[in-house]
Structure formats: C-alpha cells, structure tokens
C-alpha atoms as a PDB file:
ATOM      1  CA  GLY A   1       0.000   0.000   0.000  1.00  0.00           C
ATOM      2  CA  GLU A   2       0.898   3.689  -0.021  1.00  0.00           C
ATOM      3  CA  GLN A   3       2.022   3.446   3.616  1.00  0.00           C
ATOM      4  CA  SER A   4       4.193   0.366   3.364  1.00  0.00           C
ATOM      5  CA  VAL A   5       7.684   0.783   4.783  1.00  0.00           C
ATOM      6  CA  ASP A   6      10.722   0.570   2.504  1.00  0.00           C
ATOM      7  CA  PHE A   7      12.937  -1.305   4.978  1.00  0.00           C
ATOM      8  CA  VAL A   8      12.427  -3.601   7.930  1.00  0.00           C
ATOM      9  CA  TYR A   9      15.307  -3.694  10.421  1.00  0.00           C
ATOM     10  CA  LEU A  10      15.779  -7.214  11.767  1.00  0.00           C
ATOM     11  CA  ALA A  11      19.090  -6.632  13.574  1.00  0.00           C
ATOM     12  CA  ASP A  12      20.364 -10.191  14.164  1.00  0.00           C
ATOM     13  CA  GLN A  13      17.042 -12.041  13.991  1.00  0.00           C
ATOM     14  CA  LEU A  14      16.409 -14.241  10.947  1.00  0.00           C
ATOM     15  CA  PRO A  15      12.670 -14.551  10.179  1.00  0.00           C
ATOM     16  CA  SER A  16      11.039 -17.978  10.073  1.00  0.00           C
ATOM     17  CA  PHE A  17       8.774 -16.945   7.173  1.00  0.00           C
ATOM     18  CA  ASN A  18       9.179 -15.422   3.737  1.00  0.00           C
ATOM     19  CA  MET A  19       9.186 -11.639   3.583  1.00  0.00           C
ATOM     20  CA  PRO A  20       7.230  -9.774   0.866  1.00  0.00           C
ATOM     21  CA  ALA A  21       9.299  -9.668  -2.310  1.00  0.00           C
ATOM     22  CA  ASN A  22       9.403  -5.865  -2.486  1.00  0.00           C
ATOM     23  CA  LEU A  23      10.367  -5.316   1.173  1.00  0.00           C
ATOM     24  CA  LYS A  24      14.053  -4.635   1.798  1.00  0.00           C
ATOM     25  CA  GLN A  25      15.510  -6.347   4.857  1.00  0.00           C
ATOM     26  CA  LEU A  26      18.221  -4.705   6.923  1.00  0.00           C
ATOM     27  CA  TYR A  27      20.579  -6.680   9.181  1.00  0.00           C
ATOM     28  CA  ASN A  28      23.554  -5.841  11.324  1.00  0.00           C
ATOM     29  CA  TYR A  29      26.684  -6.441   9.281  1.00  0.00           C
ATOM     30  CA  LYS A  30      27.944  -9.458  11.230  1.00  0.00           C
ATOM     31  CA  THR A  31      24.645 -11.259  10.644  1.00  0.00           C
ATOM     32  CA  TRP A  32      24.269 -10.085   7.033  1.00  0.00           C
ATOM     33  CA  ARG A  33      27.644 -11.455   5.950  1.00  0.00           C
ATOM     34  CA  ASN A  34      26.566 -15.002   6.915  1.00  0.00           C
ATOM     35  CA  ILE A  35      23.313 -14.929   4.932  1.00  0.00           C
ATOM     36  CA  GLN A  36      23.620 -16.917   1.725  1.00  0.00           C
ATOM     37  CA  ASN A  37      20.830 -15.464  -0.401  1.00  0.00           C
ATOM     38  CA  LYS A  38      21.190 -11.700  -0.111  1.00  0.00           C
ATOM     39  CA  ALA A  39      18.476 -10.675  -2.590  1.00  0.00           C
ATOM     40  CA  ASN A  40      16.796  -7.537  -1.185  1.00  0.00           C
ATOM     41  CA  ILE A  41      18.900  -7.933   1.965  1.00  0.00           C
ATOM     42  CA  HIS A  42      21.349  -5.201   2.973  1.00  0.00           C
ATOM     43  CA  PRO A  43      23.884  -4.566   5.764  1.00  0.00           C
ATOM     44  CA  LEU A  44      23.994  -1.951   8.504  1.00  0.00           C
ATOM     45  CA  PHE A  45      27.604  -1.145   9.433  1.00  0.00           C
ATOM     46  CA  THR A  46      29.366   0.835  12.096  1.00  0.00           C
ATOM     47  CA  LEU A  47      32.118   3.053  10.671  1.00  0.00           C
ATOM     48  CA  GLU A  48      34.762   0.694  12.009  1.00  0.00           C
ATOM     49  CA  GLU A  49      33.073  -2.363  10.485  1.00  0.00           C
ATOM     50  CA  PHE A  50      32.790  -0.709   7.090  1.00  0.00           C
ATOM     51  CA  ASN A  51      36.436   0.340   7.044  1.00  0.00           C
ATOM     52  CA  GLN A  52      37.625  -3.129   8.011  1.00  0.00           C
ATOM     53  CA  SER A  53      35.243  -5.150   5.866  1.00  0.00           C
ATOM     54  CA  THR A  54      36.117  -6.620   2.494  1.00  0.00           C
ATOM     55  CA  ASP A  55      32.584  -7.980   2.102  1.00  0.00           C
ATOM     56  CA  LYS A  56      30.228  -5.189   1.103  1.00  0.00           C
ATOM     57  CA  ASP A  57      26.891  -5.033  -0.669  1.00  0.00           C
ATOM     58  CA  PRO A  58      27.312  -4.082  -4.344  1.00  0.00           C
ATOM     59  CA  VAL A  59      24.057  -2.085  -4.245  1.00  0.00           C
ATOM     60  CA  LEU A  60      23.412  -0.577  -0.809  1.00  0.00           C
ATOM     61  CA  ASN A  61      25.462  -0.180   2.366  1.00  0.00           C
ATOM     62  CA  LEU A  62      24.038   1.667   5.370  1.00  0.00           C
ATOM     63  CA  ILE A  63      26.484   3.134   7.879  1.00  0.00           C
ATOM     64  CA  LYS A  64      25.617   4.386  11.356  1.00  0.00           C
ATOM     65  CA  ILE A  65      27.145   7.792  12.035  1.00  0.00           C
ATOM     66  CA  LYS A  66      26.999  10.724  14.467  1.00  0.00           C
ATOM     67  CA  ASN A  67      28.069  14.321  13.923  1.00  0.00           C
ATOM     68  CA  THR A  68      31.164  13.869  16.103  1.00  0.00           C
ATOM     69  CA  ASP A  69      32.322  11.010  13.849  1.00  0.00           C
ATOM     70  CA  LEU A  70      33.088  13.469  11.053  1.00  0.00           C
ATOM     71  CA  ALA A  71      36.205  14.621  12.921  1.00  0.00           C
ATOM     72  CA  THR A  72      37.597  11.110  13.486  1.00  0.00           C
ATOM     73  CA  SER A  73      40.122   9.045  11.575  1.00  0.00           C
ATOM     74  CA  LEU A  74      37.421   6.426  11.008  1.00  0.00           C
ATOM     75  CA  PHE A  75      35.554   8.896   8.814  1.00  0.00           C
ATOM     76  CA  GLU A  76      38.714  10.217   7.174  1.00  0.00           C
ATOM     77  CA  ASN A  77      39.606   6.660   6.137  1.00  0.00           C
ATOM     78  CA  LEU A  78      36.135   5.954   4.766  1.00  0.00           C
ATOM     79  CA  GLN A  79      36.197   4.891   1.119  1.00  0.00           C
ATOM     80  CA  LEU A  80      33.120   6.723  -0.104  1.00  0.00           C
ATOM     81  CA  ASP A  81      31.018   5.534  -3.018  1.00  0.00           C
ATOM     82  CA  LYS A  82      27.436   5.818  -4.247  1.00  0.00           C
ATOM     83  CA  THR A  83      26.323   2.638  -2.446  1.00  0.00           C
ATOM     84  CA  ILE A  84      26.669   4.342   0.943  1.00  0.00           C
ATOM     85  CA  VAL A  85      23.661   5.666   2.844  1.00  0.00           C
ATOM     86  CA  PHE A  86      24.335   7.241   6.235  1.00  0.00           C
ATOM     87  CA  VAL A  87      22.062   6.513   9.206  1.00  0.00           C
ATOM     88  CA  LEU A  88      22.406   9.654  11.307  1.00  0.00           C
ATOM     89  CA  GLU A  89      22.112   8.974  15.036  1.00  0.00           C
ATOM     90  CA  THR A  90      22.398  11.118  18.147  1.00  0.00           C
ATOM     91  CA  THR A  91      22.714  10.259  21.827  1.00  0.00           C
ATOM     92  CA  ALA A  92      21.544  13.706  22.948  1.00  0.00           C
ATOM     93  CA  THR A  93      18.030  14.009  24.335  1.00  0.00           C
ATOM     94  CA  HIS A  94      17.642  17.270  22.426  1.00  0.00           C
ATOM     95  CA  GLY A  95      19.646  16.171  19.407  1.00  0.00           C
ATOM     96  CA  MET A  96      17.998  18.081  16.567  1.00  0.00           C
ATOM     97  CA  ALA A  97      20.590  20.890  16.569  1.00  0.00           C
ATOM     98  CA  GLU A  98      23.412  18.344  16.578  1.00  0.00           C
ATOM     99  CA  GLN A  99      21.900  16.505  13.627  1.00  0.00           C
ATOM    100  CA  ARG A 100      21.357  19.785  11.774  1.00  0.00           C
ATOM    101  CA  GLN A 101      25.046  20.563  12.251  1.00  0.00           C
ATOM    102  CA  PHE A 102      25.904  17.200  10.689  1.00  0.00           C
ATOM    103  CA  PHE A 103      24.128  18.194   7.474  1.00  0.00           C
ATOM    104  CA  LYS A 104      25.924  21.538   7.395  1.00  0.00           C
ATOM    105  CA  ASN A 105      29.254  19.809   7.933  1.00  0.00           C
ATOM    106  CA  LEU A 106      28.455  17.311   5.191  1.00  0.00           C
ATOM    107  CA  GLN A 107      27.683  20.175   2.802  1.00  0.00           C
ATOM    108  CA  GLU A 108      30.994  21.856   3.626  1.00  0.00           C
ATOM    109  CA  ILE A 109      32.833  18.614   2.904  1.00  0.00           C
ATOM    110  CA  GLY A 110      30.954  18.374  -0.386  1.00  0.00           C
ATOM    111  CA  LEU A 111      29.273  15.005   0.145  1.00  0.00           C
ATOM    112  CA  ASP A 112      25.812  14.269  -1.218  1.00  0.00           C
ATOM    113  CA  ASN A 113      25.242  10.703  -0.024  1.00  0.00           C
ATOM    114  CA  PRO A 114      21.664  10.056   1.176  1.00  0.00           C
ATOM    115  CA  VAL A 115      21.080  10.358   4.922  1.00  0.00           C
ATOM    116  CA  ILE A 116      18.373   8.613   6.954  1.00  0.00           C
ATOM    117  CA  ILE A 117      17.616  10.566  10.123  1.00  0.00           C
ATOM    118  CA  LYS A 118      17.241   8.213  13.066  1.00  0.00           C
ATOM    119  CA  ARG A 119      15.846   9.144  16.468  1.00  0.00           C
ATOM    120  CA  THR A 120      15.595   6.756  19.402  1.00  0.00           C
ATOM    121  CA  TYR A 121      13.114   7.575  22.153  1.00  0.00           C
ATOM    122  CA  ASP A 122      14.128   5.625  25.220  1.00  0.00           C
ATOM    123  CA  PRO A 123      11.289   5.630  27.764  1.00  0.00           C
ATOM    124  CA  ALA A 124      13.614   6.485  30.648  1.00  0.00           C
ATOM    125  CA  ALA A 125      15.162   9.476  28.876  1.00  0.00           C
ATOM    126  CA  PHE A 126      11.960  10.813  27.338  1.00  0.00           C
ATOM    127  CA  SER A 127       9.660  10.889  30.337  1.00  0.00           C
ATOM    128  CA  GLY A 128       9.074  14.273  31.873  1.00  0.00           C
ATOM    129  CA  PRO A 129       6.713  17.231  32.022  1.00  0.00           C
ATOM    130  CA  ILE A 130       4.584  16.111  29.080  1.00  0.00           C
ATOM    131  CA  GLY A 131       4.093  12.591  30.380  1.00  0.00           C
ATOM    132  CA  ASP A 132       5.593   9.136  30.592  1.00  0.00           C
ATOM    133  CA  ILE A 133       5.730   7.648  27.077  1.00  0.00           C
ATOM    134  CA  MET A 134       6.327   4.211  28.605  1.00  0.00           C
ATOM    135  CA  ASN A 135       2.866   4.262  30.173  1.00  0.00           C
ATOM    136  CA  PRO A 136       0.402   2.450  27.855  1.00  0.00           C
ATOM    137  CA  GLU A 137      -2.311   4.819  29.091  1.00  0.00           C
ATOM    138  CA  GLU A 138      -0.460   7.803  27.635  1.00  0.00           C
ATOM    139  CA  PRO A 139      -1.725   8.891  24.204  1.00  0.00           C
ATOM    140  CA  ILE A 140       0.338   8.494  21.053  1.00  0.00           C
ATOM    141  CA  SER A 141       0.425  12.310  20.913  1.00  0.00           C
ATOM    142  CA  LYS A 142       3.430  12.334  23.248  1.00  0.00           C
ATOM    143  CA  ILE A 143       5.743  10.538  20.830  1.00  0.00           C
ATOM    144  CA  GLN A 144       4.143  12.458  17.955  1.00  0.00           C
ATOM    145  CA  LEU A 145       5.221  15.699  19.604  1.00  0.00           C
ATOM    146  CA  TYR A 146       8.836  14.608  20.024  1.00  0.00           C
ATOM    147  CA  ALA A 147       9.302  12.998  16.617  1.00  0.00           C
ATOM    148  CA  ALA A 148       7.508  15.689  14.622  1.00  0.00           C
ATOM    149  CA  THR A 149       9.714  18.340  16.225  1.00  0.00           C
ATOM    150  CA  ASP A 150      12.995  16.451  15.901  1.00  0.00           C
ATOM    151  CA  LEU A 151      12.529  15.079  12.390  1.00  0.00           C
ATOM    152  CA  GLY A 152      10.141  17.584  10.855  1.00  0.00           C
ATOM    153  CA  ALA A 153      12.391  20.548  11.612  1.00  0.00           C
ATOM    154  CA  LEU A 154      15.161  18.945   9.537  1.00  0.00           C
ATOM    155  CA  LEU A 155      13.016  17.628   6.699  1.00  0.00           C
ATOM    156  CA  ILE A 156      11.228  20.956   6.224  1.00  0.00           C
ATOM    157  CA  ASP A 157      14.627  22.550   5.540  1.00  0.00           C
ATOM    158  CA  GLY A 158      15.482  19.926   2.963  1.00  0.00           C
ATOM    159  CA  PHE A 159      17.761  17.794   5.142  1.00  0.00           C
ATOM    160  CA  GLY A 160      17.471  14.011   5.079  1.00  0.00           C
ATOM    161  CA  SER A 161      16.298  11.366   2.646  1.00  0.00           C
ATOM    162  CA  GLY A 162      14.285   9.261   5.088  1.00  0.00           C
ATOM    163  CA  VAL A 163      13.316   8.742   8.721  1.00  0.00           C
ATOM    164  CA  TRP A 164      13.827   5.969  11.246  1.00  0.00           C
ATOM    165  CA  ILE A 165      11.910   6.221  14.518  1.00  0.00           C
ATOM    166  CA  GLU A 166      12.804   3.792  17.292  1.00  0.00           C
ATOM    167  CA  SER A 167      10.480   3.833  20.293  1.00  0.00           C
ATOM    168  CA  PRO A 168      10.240   0.593  22.310  1.00  0.00           C
ATOM    169  CA  ALA A 169       7.118   1.795  24.129  1.00  0.00           C
ATOM    170  CA  THR A 170       5.170   2.560  20.939  1.00  0.00           C
ATOM    171  CA  PRO A 171       3.359  -0.073  18.816  1.00  0.00           C
ATOM    172  CA  LEU A 172       4.990  -0.552  15.411  1.00  0.00           C
ATOM    173  CA  ASP A 173       1.857   0.345  13.467  1.00  0.00           C
ATOM    174  CA  LYS A 174       1.747   3.684  15.284  1.00  0.00           C
ATOM    175  CA  ILE A 175       5.399   4.333  14.432  1.00  0.00           C
ATOM    176  CA  VAL A 176       4.726   3.592  10.756  1.00  0.00           C
ATOM    177  CA  SER A 177       1.714   5.919  10.688  1.00  0.00           C
ATOM    178  CA  LEU A 178       3.668   8.635  12.498  1.00  0.00           C
ATOM    179  CA  SER A 179       6.615   8.332  10.110  1.00  0.00           C
ATOM    180  CA  PHE A 180       4.438   8.716   7.031  1.00  0.00           C
ATOM    181  CA  GLY A 181       2.573  11.589   8.680  1.00  0.00           C
ATOM    182  CA  ILE A 182       5.823  13.495   9.244  1.00  0.00           C
ATOM    183  CA  LEU A 183       6.961  12.825   5.679  1.00  0.00           C
ATOM    184  CA  GLN A 184       3.612  14.029   4.335  1.00  0.00           C
ATOM    185  CA  ALA A 185       3.524  17.181   6.476  1.00  0.00           C
ATOM    186  CA  THR A 186       7.016  18.175   5.319  1.00  0.00           C
ATOM    187  CA  ARG A 187       6.182  17.392   1.668  1.00  0.00           C
ATOM    188  CA  SER A 188       8.947  14.796   1.612  1.00  0.00           C
ATOM    189  CA  ARG A 189       6.651  11.958   0.548  1.00  0.00           C
ATOM    190  CA  ILE A 190       2.955  12.139  -0.275  1.00  0.00           C
ATOM    191  CA  SER A 191       1.107   8.954   0.670  1.00  0.00           C
ATOM    192  CA  LYS A 192      -2.437   9.949   1.621  1.00  0.00           C
ATOM    193  CA  THR A 193      -5.183  12.542   1.446  1.00  0.00           C
ATOM    194  CA  GLU A 194      -4.573  15.630   3.570  1.00  0.00           C
ATOM    195  CA  TYR A 195      -7.223  17.533   5.479  1.00  0.00           C
ATOM    196  CA  ILE A 196      -7.161  21.113   6.742  1.00  0.00           C
ATOM    197  CA  SER A 197      -9.689  21.932   9.424  1.00  0.00           C
ATOM    198  CA  CYS A 198     -10.262  25.128  11.382  1.00  0.00           C
ATOM    199  CA  PRO A 199     -10.142  24.988  15.209  1.00  0.00           C
ATOM    200  CA  SER A 200     -13.879  25.782  15.393  1.00  0.00           C
ATOM    201  CA  CYS A 201     -15.451  28.812  17.075  1.00  0.00           C
ATOM    202  CA  GLY A 202     -18.862  30.350  17.754  1.00  0.00           C
ATOM    203  CA  ARG A 203     -19.383  30.941  14.033  1.00  0.00           C
ATOM    204  CA  THR A 204     -19.010  27.253  13.177  1.00  0.00           C
ATOM    205  CA  LEU A 205     -22.254  26.139  11.558  1.00  0.00           C
ATOM    206  CA  PHE A 206     -21.955  22.347  11.815  1.00  0.00           C
ATOM    207  CA  ASP A 207     -20.317  19.641  13.923  1.00  0.00           C
ATOM    208  CA  LEU A 208     -16.764  20.019  12.654  1.00  0.00           C
ATOM    209  CA  GLN A 209     -15.391  16.731  13.993  1.00  0.00           C
ATOM    210  CA  GLU A 210     -18.332  14.693  12.762  1.00  0.00           C
ATOM    211  CA  THR A 211     -18.281  16.337   9.321  1.00  0.00           C
ATOM    212  CA  THR A 212     -14.516  15.967   8.964  1.00  0.00           C
ATOM    213  CA  GLN A 213     -14.798  12.256   9.752  1.00  0.00           C
ATOM    214  CA  MET A 214     -17.662  11.881   7.273  1.00  0.00           C
ATOM    215  CA  ILE A 215     -15.610  13.517   4.497  1.00  0.00           C
ATOM    216  CA  ARG A 216     -12.526  11.522   5.461  1.00  0.00           C
ATOM    217  CA  ASN A 217     -14.456   8.242   5.252  1.00  0.00           C
ATOM    218  CA  ARG A 218     -15.391   8.943   1.630  1.00  0.00           C
ATOM    219  CA  THR A 219     -12.158  10.541   0.378  1.00  0.00           C
ATOM    220  CA  ASN A 220      -9.214   9.191   2.380  1.00  0.00           C
ATOM    221  CA  HIS A 221      -8.029   7.048  -0.544  1.00  0.00           C
ATOM    222  CA  LEU A 222      -7.363  10.050  -2.812  1.00  0.00           C
ATOM    223  CA  LYS A 223      -3.603  10.229  -2.416  1.00  0.00           C
ATOM    224  CA  GLY A 224      -2.158  13.711  -2.779  1.00  0.00           C
ATOM    225  CA  LEU A 225      -5.397  15.709  -2.568  1.00  0.00           C
ATOM    226  CA  LYS A 226      -5.753  18.402   0.082  1.00  0.00           C
ATOM    227  CA  ILE A 227      -9.279  19.141   1.283  1.00  0.00           C
ATOM    228  CA  GLY A 228     -10.179  22.090   3.511  1.00  0.00           C
ATOM    229  CA  ILE A 229     -13.113  21.724   5.932  1.00  0.00           C
ATOM    230  CA  MET A 230     -14.023  25.074   7.454  1.00  0.00           C
ATOM    231  CA  GLY A 231     -16.774  26.019   9.870  1.00  0.00           C
ATOM    232  CA  CYS A 232     -17.665  29.406   8.391  1.00  0.00           C
ATOM    233  CA  ILE A 233     -17.182  31.677   5.412  1.00  0.00           C
ATOM    234  CA  VAL A 234     -15.436  34.417   7.438  1.00  0.00           C
ATOM    235  CA  ASN A 235     -11.931  32.995   7.878  1.00  0.00           C
ATOM    236  CA  GLY A 236     -12.371  29.612   6.218  1.00  0.00           C
ATOM    237  CA  PRO A 237     -11.190  30.447   2.677  1.00  0.00           C
ATOM    238  CA  GLY A 238      -8.046  32.118   4.003  1.00  0.00           C
ATOM    239  CA  GLU A 239      -7.190  29.262   6.350  1.00  0.00           C
ATOM    240  CA  MET A 240      -7.461  26.712   3.527  1.00  0.00           C
ATOM    241  CA  ALA A 241      -5.550  28.837   1.012  1.00  0.00           C
ATOM    242  CA  ASP A 242      -3.440  25.960  -0.310  1.00  0.00           C
ATOM    243  CA  ALA A 243      -6.224  23.341  -0.398  1.00  0.00           C
ATOM    244  CA  ASP A 244      -7.304  21.707  -3.653  1.00  0.00           C
ATOM    245  CA  TYR A 245     -10.952  21.662  -2.584  1.00  0.00           C
ATOM    246  CA  GLY A 246     -12.970  23.298   0.164  1.00  0.00           C
ATOM    247  CA  TYR A 247     -16.099  22.490   2.172  1.00  0.00           C
ATOM    248  CA  VAL A 248     -17.153  25.665   3.996  1.00  0.00           C
ATOM    249  CA  GLY A 249     -20.174  26.450   6.166  1.00  0.00           C
ATOM    250  CA  ALA A 250     -22.194  29.272   4.571  1.00  0.00           C
ATOM    251  CA  GLY A 251     -25.277  29.328   6.794  1.00  0.00           C
ATOM    252  CA  PRO A 252     -27.515  26.996   8.781  1.00  0.00           C
ATOM    253  CA  ASP A 253     -27.574  23.697   6.859  1.00  0.00           C
ATOM    254  CA  LYS A 254     -25.818  25.375   3.909  1.00  0.00           C
ATOM    255  CA  ILE A 255     -22.371  24.609   2.474  1.00  0.00           C
ATOM    256  CA  THR A 256     -20.268  26.449  -0.118  1.00  0.00           C
ATOM    257  CA  LEU A 257     -17.891  24.275  -2.155  1.00  0.00           C
ATOM    258  CA  TYR A 258     -14.554  25.467  -3.490  1.00  0.00           C
ATOM    259  CA  ARG A 259     -12.031  24.426  -6.098  1.00  0.00           C
ATOM    260  CA  GLY A 260      -8.858  26.005  -4.778  1.00  0.00           C
ATOM    261  CA  GLN A 261      -9.887  29.581  -3.916  1.00  0.00           C
ATOM    262  CA  GLN A 262     -12.726  29.656  -6.434  1.00  0.00           C
ATOM    263  CA  VAL A 263     -16.341  29.150  -5.377  1.00  0.00           C
ATOM    264  CA  VAL A 264     -17.907  26.341  -7.431  1.00  0.00           C
ATOM    265  CA  LYS A 265     -21.289  25.910  -5.720  1.00  0.00           C
ATOM    266  CA  LYS A 266     -23.006  28.106  -3.160  1.00  0.00           C
ATOM    267  CA  ASN A 267     -25.549  27.265  -0.478  1.00  0.00           C
ATOM    268  CA  VAL A 268     -25.666  23.526  -1.094  1.00  0.00           C
ATOM    269  CA  SER A 269     -27.788  21.574   1.386  1.00  0.00           C
ATOM    270  CA  SER A 270     -25.504  19.872   3.913  1.00  0.00           C
ATOM    271  CA  ALA A 271     -27.340  16.596   3.203  1.00  0.00           C
ATOM    272  CA  HIS A 272     -26.018  16.650  -0.377  1.00  0.00           C
ATOM    273  CA  ALA A 273     -22.824  18.706  -0.019  1.00  0.00           C
ATOM    274  CA  LEU A 274     -20.399  15.791   0.243  1.00  0.00           C
ATOM    275  CA  ASP A 275     -21.849  14.100  -2.841  1.00  0.00           C
ATOM    276  CA  GLU A 276     -21.575  17.411  -4.707  1.00  0.00           C
ATOM    277  CA  LEU A 277     -17.947  17.780  -3.589  1.00  0.00           C
ATOM    278  CA  ILE A 278     -17.183  14.297  -4.895  1.00  0.00           C
ATOM    279  CA  ASN A 279     -18.876  15.173  -8.204  1.00  0.00           C
ATOM    280  CA  ILE A 280     -16.588  18.207  -8.531  1.00  0.00           C
ATOM    281  CA  ILE A 281     -13.534  16.027  -7.901  1.00  0.00           C
ATOM    282  CA  LYS A 282     -14.835  13.549 -10.484  1.00  0.00           C
ATOM    283  CA  SER A 283     -15.393  16.299 -13.060  1.00  0.00           C
ATOM    284  CA  ASP A 284     -11.744  17.309 -12.603  1.00  0.00           C
ATOM    285  CA  GLY A 285     -10.644  13.743 -13.341  1.00  0.00           C
ATOM    286  CA  LEU A 286      -9.102  13.273  -9.889  1.00  0.00           C
ATOM    287  CA  TRP A 287     -11.518  10.722  -8.474  1.00  0.00           C
ATOM    288  CA  ILE A 288     -10.646   7.051  -8.227  1.00  0.00           C
ATOM    289  CA  GLU A 289     -12.735   4.274  -6.722  1.00  0.00           C
ATOM    290  CA  GLU A 290     -11.172   2.522  -3.739  1.00  0.00           C
ATOM    291  CA  ASN A 291     -11.378  -0.878  -5.453  1.00  0.00           C
ATOM    292  CA  GLU A 292      -9.358   0.501  -8.377  1.00  0.00           C
ATOM    293  CA  ILE A 293      -6.336   1.378  -6.263  1.00  0.00           C
ATOM    294  CA  PRO A 294      -3.389  -0.982  -6.937  1.00  0.00           C
ATOM    295  CA  THR A 295      -2.397  -3.043  -3.916  1.00  0.00           C
END
C-alpha cells in the first residue's frame, strides 16, 4: 500500500517466514555477511566495520554515524562511493541541533550521499513534564510531539532522505503511521489525502469533527489531494488557502464548495454537499474508486 515501509530492520534475527518480495531487509553487518541469499537484503555497518570489511553489498550499504564522527580518523579513512547511505544517530536528548550541524558539515565537505535521520526515544530518557511515554495509558500524541519536532524541523529545511523512529514503548503500526505523517507534512513523501480543518469557534455552523470524519471516510483514498473543511465563510477560505478543494459552512444547513480559492457551488444543502464535492472532484478527473487502487 501507499504506507508500506521501505525497509524492515531485523538486527540479528532471521525470520522464520518469507518476507514480501518488495520489502528490503536490513541486518547488522555481522549477521548479514553469513546470509547466503542476499536478494533484497542489505547490511547496517558501524564506521569501524565498514572500514575493516572486504565484504560489502554491491548495491546498498548503510552506515551508522553521528556528527562527532566526522572529525575522526574512522571517517577520514572511509572509502566513499554511491552505495553508501548514512544513518544519522544522536545520543543527545535534544539532538535536533546536533543533527542539523551534521548536514551543514556534510555540505561543507561536499558530500551528497543520502542520509536517513534516526531518532531513538528511550522511555527512561523521554519521560518528563509532558508525560511518561512508557505508560500504555499515555496517548500516542506524546511521541508524535517529540518525533515531529525532531525530524520535521530537519526535513522541512530539505535535510534528510528518510526517517527511522525507534520507540520501544510505541506499537509498530503507530510508528509507521507517524513516520508517514511526518513525511507528508514536510512534503517529503505524499502517501495519503490531507485535510485542513479550522479549530472551530462560535461561528461554526456544523459539527466540525463529525463532518470531517464523514468527508474523510469517503475521500481518504485520494492520495495527494488536500481538502479544507471550514466552519464558516469568514476565515475559512483564508485558512485553507493551499487546499485543492474546500467544504465551507455558509449558513444553517448550507455549504459552499470550493475548487482552490474559487467558489464552485453556493448554499448547497448539507445533506447533499459531500456528494456534490465528490462530483466536482470527479469532473476534474481526480476521483478514483477505492477498489481501483493498486495493492
């Protein structure tokens, strides 16, 4: 699907079942070198392992690195080639500035190898004023706050080719969803429909949460589209300025529909407004039925 991961990191654990053919497997180097059939299987090195190894992947070699490594002899002795992808790590709790400096240093050196930004959220280190992320009762919003700040701030400035979030206290499906959400929000990788919704106020003319969910249920398979859902005509059009389509409250039980910033239909009954919005999308040739989406 559109939110399928590119790599699965298995460390030193060999699976007892066959992986999907298009899923790349990543192993620690010492385990990788003993695997016989290496199709779609790639190594993760330390700098020292890569420098000492004579057995490298002809296609893709991932190397763990920190900003401080750039000043070491291990990095100076690195034989760089286009198969190398750096996995940028940090041991600092507030490591975003350190990782940003790595990218600046890499630019000064003149290297353009891809970099995957990795952040590890250890429950002991990342429990504090906003809550204990180890506690299963805590909402996913806690790790969302950390990761979106740490990774999004770099991606939005054009740094990084991918993300790797490690959080032992967070279910894997939540990490996958969070990763794709950060990539989408920073325009690094578009994988789903995006929705813009106002915070709601006294002028809001319908149940914003209920309406947003109703629209999402019918349109969430339209990858790449941005739909604005606004409670009133006063600030709504301005708040959804970069949306492809808009659903805006115009009066009691009345909706105005937009294509970009242009009004397409005024004062549509709320009972029929979503169907009318879908018809507009269809007339623009951007609609696709869910059962027509390739798996």
